[in-house]
Amino acid sequence: MSGEPAAAPVPPGAPSWRSTRGWPARAAVGFGRFWWDFLVGDTPEVTVATLVVLGVVALLVHTASSTAAWAVLPVLVTATLVATVLRGRRGAG
């Protein structure tokens, strides 16, 4: 025996640790879960692709020119869309 008292059993219907948190913590967790579901959802690769496209465009704006960024942006977005649709068709077939 380790000398530590055993944990008391939790009676049925007793509030769990989740319900004992304050509303700011519950609101923050709910807010985070909403944005995770909204942005990531079923296809996290689209979120990653979006972040990569934004990063490439931001890098082009700072290193080359905004004209280059405007030219590359639709190409990258179209490539992401085509890759996503092709991946979805492979999975559905």
PDB file of N, CA and C in Angstrom:
ATOM      1  N   MET A   1       0.850  -1.186   0.000  1.00  0.00           N
ATOM      2  CA  MET A   1       0.000   0.000   0.000  1.00  0.00           C
ATOM      3  C   MET A   1       0.884   1.233   0.000  1.00  0.00           C
ATOM      4  N   SER A   2       0.442   2.230  -0.717  1.00  0.00           N
ATOM      5  CA  SER A   2       1.238   3.434  -0.856  1.00  0.00           C
ATOM      6  C   SER A   2       0.981   4.443   0.251  1.00  0.00           C
ATOM      7  N   GLY A   3      -0.006   4.213   1.066  1.00  0.00           N
ATOM      8  CA  GLY A   3      -0.293   5.132   2.146  1.00  0.00           C
ATOM      9  C   GLY A   3      -1.231   6.259   1.757  1.00  0.00           C
ATOM     10  N   GLU A   4      -1.588   6.332   0.471  1.00  0.00           N
ATOM     11  CA  GLU A   4      -2.516   7.364   0.013  1.00  0.00           C
ATOM     12  C   GLU A   4      -3.937   6.850   0.134  1.00  0.00           C
ATOM     13  N   PRO A   5      -4.858   7.709   0.539  1.00  0.00           N
ATOM     14  CA  PRO A   5      -6.248   7.255   0.633  1.00  0.00           C
ATOM     15  C   PRO A   5      -6.823   7.009  -0.764  1.00  0.00           C
ATOM     16  N   ALA A   6      -7.704   6.048  -0.833  1.00  0.00           N
ATOM     17  CA  ALA A   6      -8.354   5.736  -2.106  1.00  0.00           C
ATOM     18  C   ALA A   6      -9.318   6.858  -2.466  1.00  0.00           C
ATOM     19  N   ALA A   7      -9.482   7.089  -3.762  1.00  0.00           N
ATOM     20  CA  ALA A   7     -10.405   8.121  -4.221  1.00  0.00           C
ATOM     21  C   ALA A   7     -11.838   7.682  -3.922  1.00  0.00           C
ATOM     22  N   ALA A   8     -12.627   8.624  -3.472  1.00  0.00           N
ATOM     23  CA  ALA A   8     -14.021   8.315  -3.158  1.00  0.00           C
ATOM     24  C   ALA A   8     -14.782   8.093  -4.454  1.00  0.00           C
ATOM     25  N   PRO A   9     -15.682   7.119  -4.478  1.00  0.00           N
ATOM     26  CA  PRO A   9     -16.471   6.906  -5.691  1.00  0.00           C
ATOM     27  C   PRO A   9     -17.380   8.101  -5.963  1.00  0.00           C
ATOM     28  N   VAL A  10     -17.584   8.375  -7.230  1.00  0.00           N
ATOM     29  CA  VAL A  10     -18.443   9.484  -7.627  1.00  0.00           C
ATOM     30  C   VAL A  10     -19.876   8.977  -7.698  1.00  0.00           C
ATOM     31  N   PRO A  11     -20.768   9.598  -6.934  1.00  0.00           N
ATOM     32  CA  PRO A  11     -22.161   9.140  -6.968  1.00  0.00           C
ATOM     33  C   PRO A  11     -22.818   9.447  -8.310  1.00  0.00           C
ATOM     34  N   PRO A  12     -23.768   8.625  -8.732  1.00  0.00           N
ATOM     35  CA  PRO A  12     -24.463   8.898  -9.994  1.00  0.00           C
ATOM     36  C   PRO A  12     -25.176  10.249  -9.939  1.00  0.00           C
ATOM     37  N   GLY A  13     -25.123  10.967 -11.029  1.00  0.00           N
ATOM     38  CA  GLY A  13     -25.780  12.272 -11.106  1.00  0.00           C
ATOM     39  C   GLY A  13     -24.953  13.409 -10.553  1.00  0.00           C
ATOM     40  N   ALA A  14     -23.766  13.109 -10.007  1.00  0.00           N
ATOM     41  CA  ALA A  14     -22.905  14.161  -9.467  1.00  0.00           C
ATOM     42  C   ALA A  14     -22.292  14.928 -10.641  1.00  0.00           C
ATOM     43  N   PRO A  15     -22.060  16.216 -10.489  1.00  0.00           N
ATOM     44  CA  PRO A  15     -21.480  16.998 -11.570  1.00  0.00           C
ATOM     45  C   PRO A  15     -20.063  16.522 -11.870  1.00  0.00           C
ATOM     46  N   SER A  16     -19.737  16.429 -13.140  1.00  0.00           N
ATOM     47  CA  SER A  16     -18.394  16.017 -13.523  1.00  0.00           C
ATOM     48  C   SER A  16     -17.467  17.222 -13.454  1.00  0.00           C
ATOM     49  N   TRP A  17     -16.189  16.990 -13.715  1.00  0.00           N
ATOM     50  CA  TRP A  17     -15.236  18.093 -13.683  1.00  0.00           C
ATOM     51  C   TRP A  17     -15.543  19.106 -14.773  1.00  0.00           C
ATOM     52  N   ARG A  18     -16.191  18.653 -15.863  1.00  0.00           N
ATOM     53  CA  ARG A  18     -16.518  19.584 -16.940  1.00  0.00           C
ATOM     54  C   ARG A  18     -17.577  20.597 -16.509  1.00  0.00           C
ATOM     55  N   SER A  19     -18.544  20.144 -15.741  1.00  0.00           N
ATOM     56  CA  SER A  19     -19.608  21.065 -15.350  1.00  0.00           C
ATOM     57  C   SER A  19     -19.189  21.964 -14.194  1.00  0.00           C
ATOM     58  N   THR A  20     -18.054  21.680 -13.568  1.00  0.00           N
ATOM     59  CA  THR A  20     -17.610  22.522 -12.464  1.00  0.00           C
ATOM     60  C   THR A  20     -16.714  23.659 -12.937  1.00  0.00           C
ATOM     61  N   ARG A  21     -16.347  23.665 -14.239  1.00  0.00           N
ATOM     62  CA  ARG A  21     -15.561  24.784 -14.756  1.00  0.00           C
ATOM     63  C   ARG A  21     -16.467  25.999 -14.899  1.00  0.00           C
ATOM     64  N   GLY A  22     -15.864  27.155 -14.849  1.00  0.00           N
ATOM     65  CA  GLY A  22     -16.621  28.390 -14.998  1.00  0.00           C
ATOM     66  C   GLY A  22     -17.042  28.609 -16.453  1.00  0.00           C
ATOM     67  N   TRP A  23     -17.978  29.527 -16.630  1.00  0.00           N
ATOM     68  CA  TRP A  23     -18.479  29.769 -17.986  1.00  0.00           C
ATOM     69  C   TRP A  23     -17.402  30.309 -18.916  1.00  0.00           C
ATOM     70  N   PRO A  24     -16.413  31.110 -18.459  1.00  0.00           N
ATOM     71  CA  PRO A  24     -15.395  31.553 -19.417  1.00  0.00           C
ATOM     72  C   PRO A  24     -14.596  30.379 -19.998  1.00  0.00           C
ATOM     73  N   ALA A  25     -14.286  29.398 -19.179  1.00  0.00           N
ATOM     74  CA  ALA A  25     -13.536  28.239 -19.669  1.00  0.00           C
ATOM     75  C   ALA A  25     -14.393  27.420 -20.625  1.00  0.00           C
ATOM     76  N   ARG A  26     -15.661  27.214 -20.297  1.00  0.00           N
ATOM     77  CA  ARG A  26     -16.558  26.462 -21.180  1.00  0.00           C
ATOM     78  C   ARG A  26     -16.755  27.206 -22.498  1.00  0.00           C
ATOM     79  N   ALA A  27     -16.870  28.538 -22.425  1.00  0.00           N
ATOM     80  CA  ALA A  27     -17.043  29.333 -23.638  1.00  0.00           C
ATOM     81  C   ALA A  27     -15.791  29.266 -24.511  1.00  0.00           C
ATOM     82  N   ALA A  28     -14.618  29.332 -23.896  1.00  0.00           N
ATOM     83  CA  ALA A  28     -13.371  29.257 -24.665  1.00  0.00           C
ATOM     84  C   ALA A  28     -13.223  27.893 -25.335  1.00  0.00           C
ATOM     85  N   VAL A  29     -13.553  26.831 -24.623  1.00  0.00           N
ATOM     86  CA  VAL A  29     -13.472  25.490 -25.201  1.00  0.00           C
ATOM     87  C   VAL A  29     -14.475  25.353 -26.343  1.00  0.00           C
ATOM     88  N   GLY A  30     -15.694  25.829 -26.142  1.00  0.00           N
ATOM     89  CA  GLY A  30     -16.701  25.770 -27.193  1.00  0.00           C
ATOM     90  C   GLY A  30     -16.313  26.587 -28.414  1.00  0.00           C
ATOM     91  N   PHE A  31     -15.740  27.759 -28.181  1.00  0.00           N
ATOM     92  CA  PHE A  31     -15.286  28.619 -29.267  1.00  0.00           C
ATOM     93  C   PHE A  31     -14.183  27.936 -30.065  1.00  0.00           C
ATOM     94  N   GLY A  32     -13.236  27.345 -29.356  1.00  0.00           N
ATOM     95  CA  GLY A  32     -12.145  26.624 -30.016  1.00  0.00           C
ATOM     96  C   GLY A  32     -12.644  25.432 -30.807  1.00  0.00           C
ATOM     97  N   ARG A  33     -13.580  24.677 -30.259  1.00  0.00           N
ATOM     98  CA  ARG A  33     -14.130  23.524 -30.982  1.00  0.00           C
ATOM     99  C   ARG A  33     -14.907  23.954 -32.227  1.00  0.00           C
ATOM    100  N   PHE A  34     -15.636  25.056 -32.117  1.00  0.00           N
ATOM    101  CA  PHE A  34     -16.357  25.563 -33.285  1.00  0.00           C
ATOM    102  C   PHE A  34     -15.385  25.885 -34.410  1.00  0.00           C
ATOM    103  N   TRP A  35     -14.338  26.647 -34.102  1.00  0.00           N
ATOM    104  CA  TRP A  35     -13.401  27.040 -35.148  1.00  0.00           C
ATOM    105  C   TRP A  35     -12.636  25.846 -35.690  1.00  0.00           C
ATOM    106  N   TRP A  36     -12.308  24.876 -34.850  1.00  0.00           N
ATOM    107  CA  TRP A  36     -11.640  23.665 -35.329  1.00  0.00           C
ATOM    108  C   TRP A  36     -12.547  22.932 -36.320  1.00  0.00           C
ATOM    109  N   ASP A  37     -13.819  22.745 -35.961  1.00  0.00           N
ATOM    110  CA  ASP A  37     -14.755  22.067 -36.858  1.00  0.00           C
ATOM    111  C   ASP A  37     -14.992  22.876 -38.122  1.00  0.00           C
ATOM    112  N   PHE A  38     -15.075  24.189 -37.990  1.00  0.00           N
ATOM    113  CA  PHE A  38     -15.351  25.049 -39.132  1.00  0.00           C
ATOM    114  C   PHE A  38     -14.174  25.087 -40.104  1.00  0.00           C
ATOM    115  N   LEU A  39     -12.961  25.233 -39.592  1.00  0.00           N
ATOM    116  CA  LEU A  39     -11.794  25.372 -40.453  1.00  0.00           C
ATOM    117  C   LEU A  39     -11.216  24.034 -40.892  1.00  0.00           C
ATOM    118  N   VAL A  40     -11.139  23.090 -40.001  1.00  0.00           N
ATOM    119  CA  VAL A  40     -10.516  21.808 -40.327  1.00  0.00           C
ATOM    120  C   VAL A  40     -11.561  20.830 -40.833  1.00  0.00           C
ATOM    121  N   GLY A  41     -12.632  20.654 -40.092  1.00  0.00           N
ATOM    122  CA  GLY A  41     -13.727  19.789 -40.522  1.00  0.00           C
ATOM    123  C   GLY A  41     -13.270  18.390 -40.877  1.00  0.00           C
ATOM    124  N   ASP A  42     -13.716  17.906 -42.039  1.00  0.00           N
ATOM    125  CA  ASP A  42     -13.392  16.554 -42.471  1.00  0.00           C
ATOM    126  C   ASP A  42     -12.084  16.481 -43.253  1.00  0.00           C
ATOM    127  N   THR A  43     -11.610  17.601 -43.748  1.00  0.00           N
ATOM    128  CA  THR A  43     -10.426  17.585 -44.604  1.00  0.00           C
ATOM    129  C   THR A  43      -9.365  18.561 -44.095  1.00  0.00           C
ATOM    130  N   PRO A  44      -8.523  18.110 -43.194  1.00  0.00           N
ATOM    131  CA  PRO A  44      -7.479  19.004 -42.683  1.00  0.00           C
ATOM    132  C   PRO A  44      -6.469  19.419 -43.749  1.00  0.00           C
ATOM    133  N   GLU A  45      -6.361  18.630 -44.839  1.00  0.00           N
ATOM    134  CA  GLU A  45      -5.393  19.014 -45.873  1.00  0.00           C
ATOM    135  C   GLU A  45      -5.794  20.299 -46.585  1.00  0.00           C
ATOM    136  N   VAL A  46      -7.084  20.608 -46.635  1.00  0.00           N
ATOM    137  CA  VAL A  46      -7.513  21.873 -47.237  1.00  0.00           C
ATOM    138  C   VAL A  46      -7.076  23.042 -46.357  1.00  0.00           C
ATOM    139  N   THR A  47      -7.158  22.875 -45.058  1.00  0.00           N
ATOM    140  CA  THR A  47      -6.701  23.923 -44.148  1.00  0.00           C
ATOM    141  C   THR A  47      -5.200  24.126 -44.290  1.00  0.00           C
ATOM    142  N   VAL A  48      -4.458  23.035 -44.348  1.00  0.00           N
ATOM    143  CA  VAL A  48      -3.010  23.137 -44.510  1.00  0.00           C
ATOM    144  C   VAL A  48      -2.681  23.790 -45.851  1.00  0.00           C
ATOM    145  N   ALA A  49      -3.372  23.386 -46.914  1.00  0.00           N
ATOM    146  CA  ALA A  49      -3.129  23.982 -48.234  1.00  0.00           C
ATOM    147  C   ALA A  49      -3.426  25.473 -48.226  1.00  0.00           C
ATOM    148  N   THR A  50      -4.488  25.875 -47.550  1.00  0.00           N
ATOM    149  CA  THR A  50      -4.830  27.296 -47.450  1.00  0.00           C
ATOM    150  C   THR A  50      -3.726  28.070 -46.745  1.00  0.00           C
ATOM    151  N   LEU A  51      -3.218  27.517 -45.656  1.00  0.00           N
ATOM    152  CA  LEU A  51      -2.135  28.186 -44.932  1.00  0.00           C
ATOM    153  C   LEU A  51      -0.865  28.261 -45.777  1.00  0.00           C
ATOM    154  N   VAL A  52      -0.589  27.211 -46.537  1.00  0.00           N
ATOM    155  CA  VAL A  52       0.588  27.223 -47.413  1.00  0.00           C
ATOM    156  C   VAL A  52       0.423  28.277 -48.513  1.00  0.00           C
ATOM    157  N   VAL A  53      -0.753  28.332 -49.129  1.00  0.00           N
ATOM    158  CA  VAL A  53      -1.003  29.328 -50.173  1.00  0.00           C
ATOM    159  C   VAL A  53      -0.841  30.739 -49.614  1.00  0.00           C
ATOM    160  N   LEU A  54      -1.420  30.993 -48.455  1.00  0.00           N
ATOM    161  CA  LEU A  54      -1.281  32.321 -47.848  1.00  0.00           C
ATOM    162  C   LEU A  54       0.173  32.639 -47.522  1.00  0.00           C
ATOM    163  N   GLY A  55       0.908  31.641 -47.052  1.00  0.00           N
ATOM    164  CA  GLY A  55       2.328  31.841 -46.757  1.00  0.00           C
ATOM    165  C   GLY A  55       3.142  32.150 -47.993  1.00  0.00           C
ATOM    166  N   VAL A  56       2.888  31.416 -49.086  1.00  0.00           N
ATOM    167  CA  VAL A  56       3.613  31.657 -50.337  1.00  0.00           C
ATOM    168  C   VAL A  56       3.303  33.051 -50.871  1.00  0.00           C
ATOM    169  N   VAL A  57       2.038  33.418 -50.827  1.00  0.00           N
ATOM    170  CA  VAL A  57       1.654  34.747 -51.321  1.00  0.00           C
ATOM    171  C   VAL A  57       2.280  35.846 -50.460  1.00  0.00           C
ATOM    172  N   ALA A  58       2.269  35.666 -49.151  1.00  0.00           N
ATOM    173  CA  ALA A  58       2.888  36.666 -48.267  1.00  0.00           C
ATOM    174  C   ALA A  58       4.387  36.751 -48.522  1.00  0.00           C
ATOM    175  N   LEU A  59       5.014  35.617 -48.742  1.00  0.00           N
ATOM    176  CA  LEU A  59       6.448  35.616 -49.045  1.00  0.00           C
ATOM    177  C   LEU A  59       6.730  36.332 -50.362  1.00  0.00           C
ATOM    178  N   LEU A  60       5.892  36.105 -51.358  1.00  0.00           N
ATOM    179  CA  LEU A  60       6.073  36.796 -52.641  1.00  0.00           C
ATOM    180  C   LEU A  60       5.879  38.298 -52.513  1.00  0.00           C
ATOM    181  N   VAL A  61       4.925  38.710 -51.710  1.00  0.00           N
ATOM    182  CA  VAL A  61       4.689  40.151 -51.532  1.00  0.00           C
ATOM    183  C   VAL A  61       5.914  40.809 -50.915  1.00  0.00           C
ATOM    184  N   HIS A  62       6.533  40.126 -49.955  1.00  0.00           N
ATOM    185  CA  HIS A  62       7.671  40.734 -49.257  1.00  0.00           C
ATOM    186  C   HIS A  62       8.985  40.589 -50.008  1.00  0.00           C
ATOM    187  N   THR A  63       9.130  39.548 -50.831  1.00  0.00           N
ATOM    188  CA  THR A  63      10.412  39.350 -51.512  1.00  0.00           C
ATOM    189  C   THR A  63      10.392  39.791 -52.969  1.00  0.00           C
ATOM    190  N   ALA A  64       9.307  39.537 -53.670  1.00  0.00           N
ATOM    191  CA  ALA A  64       9.264  39.880 -55.098  1.00  0.00           C
ATOM    192  C   ALA A  64       8.417  41.135 -55.284  1.00  0.00           C
ATOM    193  N   SER A  65       7.163  40.931 -55.646  1.00  0.00           N
ATOM    194  CA  SER A  65       6.267  42.069 -55.820  1.00  0.00           C
ATOM    195  C   SER A  65       4.837  41.612 -55.593  1.00  0.00           C
ATOM    196  N   SER A  66       3.970  42.580 -55.378  1.00  0.00           N
ATOM    197  CA  SER A  66       2.564  42.223 -55.183  1.00  0.00           C
ATOM    198  C   SER A  66       1.941  41.733 -56.486  1.00  0.00           C
ATOM    199  N   THR A  67       2.490  42.163 -57.615  1.00  0.00           N
ATOM    200  CA  THR A  67       1.988  41.679 -58.901  1.00  0.00           C
ATOM    201  C   THR A  67       2.243  40.177 -59.044  1.00  0.00           C
ATOM    202  N   ALA A  68       3.410  39.730 -58.631  1.00  0.00           N
ATOM    203  CA  ALA A  68       3.716  38.296 -58.674  1.00  0.00           C
ATOM    204  C   ALA A  68       2.774  37.525 -57.749  1.00  0.00           C
ATOM    205  N   ALA A  69       2.490  38.092 -56.603  1.00  0.00           N
ATOM    206  CA  ALA A  69       1.581  37.427 -55.666  1.00  0.00           C
ATOM    207  C   ALA A  69       0.182  37.326 -56.250  1.00  0.00           C
ATOM    208  N   TRP A  70      -0.276  38.397 -56.889  1.00  0.00           N
ATOM    209  CA  TRP A  70      -1.606  38.370 -57.510  1.00  0.00           C
ATOM    210  C   TRP A  70      -1.659  37.370 -58.659  1.00  0.00           C
ATOM    211  N   ALA A  71      -0.556  37.156 -59.341  1.00  0.00           N
ATOM    212  CA  ALA A  71      -0.528  36.201 -60.442  1.00  0.00           C
ATOM    213  C   ALA A  71      -0.489  34.758 -59.941  1.00  0.00           C
ATOM    214  N   VAL A  72       0.193  34.523 -58.849  1.00  0.00           N
ATOM    215  CA  VAL A  72       0.368  33.169 -58.331  1.00  0.00           C
ATOM    216  C   VAL A  72      -0.849  32.716 -57.524  1.00  0.00           C
ATOM    217  N   LEU A  73      -1.511  33.625 -56.870  1.00  0.00           N
ATOM    218  CA  LEU A  73      -2.634  33.265 -55.997  1.00  0.00           C
ATOM    219  C   LEU A  73      -3.713  32.440 -56.697  1.00  0.00           C
ATOM    220  N   PRO A  74      -4.258  32.860 -57.837  1.00  0.00           N
ATOM    221  CA  PRO A  74      -5.297  32.040 -58.471  1.00  0.00           C
ATOM    222  C   PRO A  74      -4.783  30.686 -58.940  1.00  0.00           C
ATOM    223  N   VAL A  75      -3.527  30.623 -59.337  1.00  0.00           N
ATOM    224  CA  VAL A  75      -2.957  29.344 -59.767  1.00  0.00           C
ATOM    225  C   VAL A  75      -2.900  28.365 -58.586  1.00  0.00           C
ATOM    226  N   LEU A  76      -2.430  28.834 -57.439  1.00  0.00           N
ATOM    227  CA  LEU A  76      -2.335  27.970 -56.266  1.00  0.00           C
ATOM    228  C   LEU A  76      -3.711  27.557 -55.752  1.00  0.00           C
ATOM    229  N   VAL A  77      -4.650  28.477 -55.764  1.00  0.00           N
ATOM    230  CA  VAL A  77      -6.008  28.148 -55.307  1.00  0.00           C
ATOM    231  C   VAL A  77      -6.649  27.129 -56.242  1.00  0.00           C
ATOM    232  N   THR A  78      -6.463  27.316 -57.534  1.00  0.00           N
ATOM    233  CA  THR A  78      -7.019  26.370 -58.510  1.00  0.00           C
ATOM    234  C   THR A  78      -6.370  24.992 -58.349  1.00  0.00           C
ATOM    235  N   ALA A  79      -5.070  24.952 -58.149  1.00  0.00           N
ATOM    236  CA  ALA A  79      -4.381  23.678 -57.947  1.00  0.00           C
ATOM    237  C   ALA A  79      -4.889  22.976 -56.693  1.00  0.00           C
ATOM    238  N   THR A  80      -5.122  23.731 -55.635  1.00  0.00           N
ATOM    239  CA  THR A  80      -5.662  23.151 -54.405  1.00  0.00           C
ATOM    240  C   THR A  80      -7.058  22.593 -54.644  1.00  0.00           C
ATOM    241  N   LEU A  81      -7.883  23.346 -55.347  1.00  0.00           N
ATOM    242  CA  LEU A  81      -9.246  22.892 -55.634  1.00  0.00           C
ATOM    243  C   LEU A  81      -9.242  21.621 -56.477  1.00  0.00           C
ATOM    244  N   VAL A  82      -8.426  21.595 -57.519  1.00  0.00           N
ATOM    245  CA  VAL A  82      -8.357  20.415 -58.385  1.00  0.00           C
ATOM    246  C   VAL A  82      -7.855  19.210 -57.605  1.00  0.00           C
ATOM    247  N   ALA A  83      -6.815  19.383 -56.805  1.00  0.00           N
ATOM    248  CA  ALA A  83      -6.287  18.269 -56.009  1.00  0.00           C
ATOM    249  C   ALA A  83      -7.327  17.747 -55.028  1.00  0.00           C
ATOM    250  N   THR A  84      -8.091  18.630 -54.422  1.00  0.00           N
ATOM    251  CA  THR A  84      -9.116  18.222 -53.465  1.00  0.00           C
ATOM    252  C   THR A  84     -10.239  17.461 -54.160  1.00  0.00           C
ATOM    253  N   VAL A  85     -10.675  17.951 -55.305  1.00  0.00           N
ATOM    254  CA  VAL A  85     -11.753  17.288 -56.033  1.00  0.00           C
ATOM    255  C   VAL A  85     -11.301  15.904 -56.528  1.00  0.00           C
ATOM    256  N   LEU A  86     -10.086  15.822 -57.059  1.00  0.00           N
ATOM    257  CA  LEU A  86      -9.579  14.523 -57.519  1.00  0.00           C
ATOM    258  C   LEU A  86      -9.441  13.538 -56.360  1.00  0.00           C
ATOM    259  N   ARG A  87      -8.986  14.014 -55.236  1.00  0.00           N
ATOM    260  CA  ARG A  87      -8.868  13.140 -54.060  1.00  0.00           C
ATOM    261  C   ARG A  87     -10.229  12.681 -53.597  1.00  0.00           C
ATOM    262  N   GLY A  88     -11.208  13.563 -53.634  1.00  0.00           N
ATOM    263  CA  GLY A  88     -12.560  13.204 -53.227  1.00  0.00           C
ATOM    264  C   GLY A  88     -13.199  12.207 -54.182  1.00  0.00           C
ATOM    265  N   ARG A  89     -12.942  12.357 -55.465  1.00  0.00           N
ATOM    266  CA  ARG A  89     -13.498  11.415 -56.461  1.00  0.00           C
ATOM    267  C   ARG A  89     -12.863  10.040 -56.307  1.00  0.00           C
ATOM    268  N   ARG A  90     -11.577   9.984 -55.987  1.00  0.00           N
ATOM    269  CA  ARG A  90     -10.929   8.689 -55.773  1.00  0.00           C
ATOM    270  C   ARG A  90     -11.507   7.973 -54.569  1.00  0.00           C
ATOM    271  N   GLY A  91     -11.815   8.747 -53.511  1.00  0.00           N
ATOM    272  CA  GLY A  91     -12.358   8.160 -52.299  1.00  0.00           C
ATOM    273  C   GLY A  91     -13.805   7.707 -52.460  1.00  0.00           C
ATOM    274  N   ALA A  92     -14.575   8.393 -53.319  1.00  0.00           N
ATOM    275  CA  ALA A  92     -15.988   8.072 -53.491  1.00  0.00           C
ATOM    276  C   ALA A  92     -16.199   6.911 -54.455  1.00  0.00           C
ATOM    277  N   GLY A  93     -15.242   6.640 -55.332  1.00  0.00           N
ATOM    278  CA  GLY A  93     -15.418   5.632 -56.368  1.00  0.00           C
ATOM    279  C   GLY A  93     -15.075   4.294 -55.924  1.00  0.00           C
TER     280      GLY A  93
END
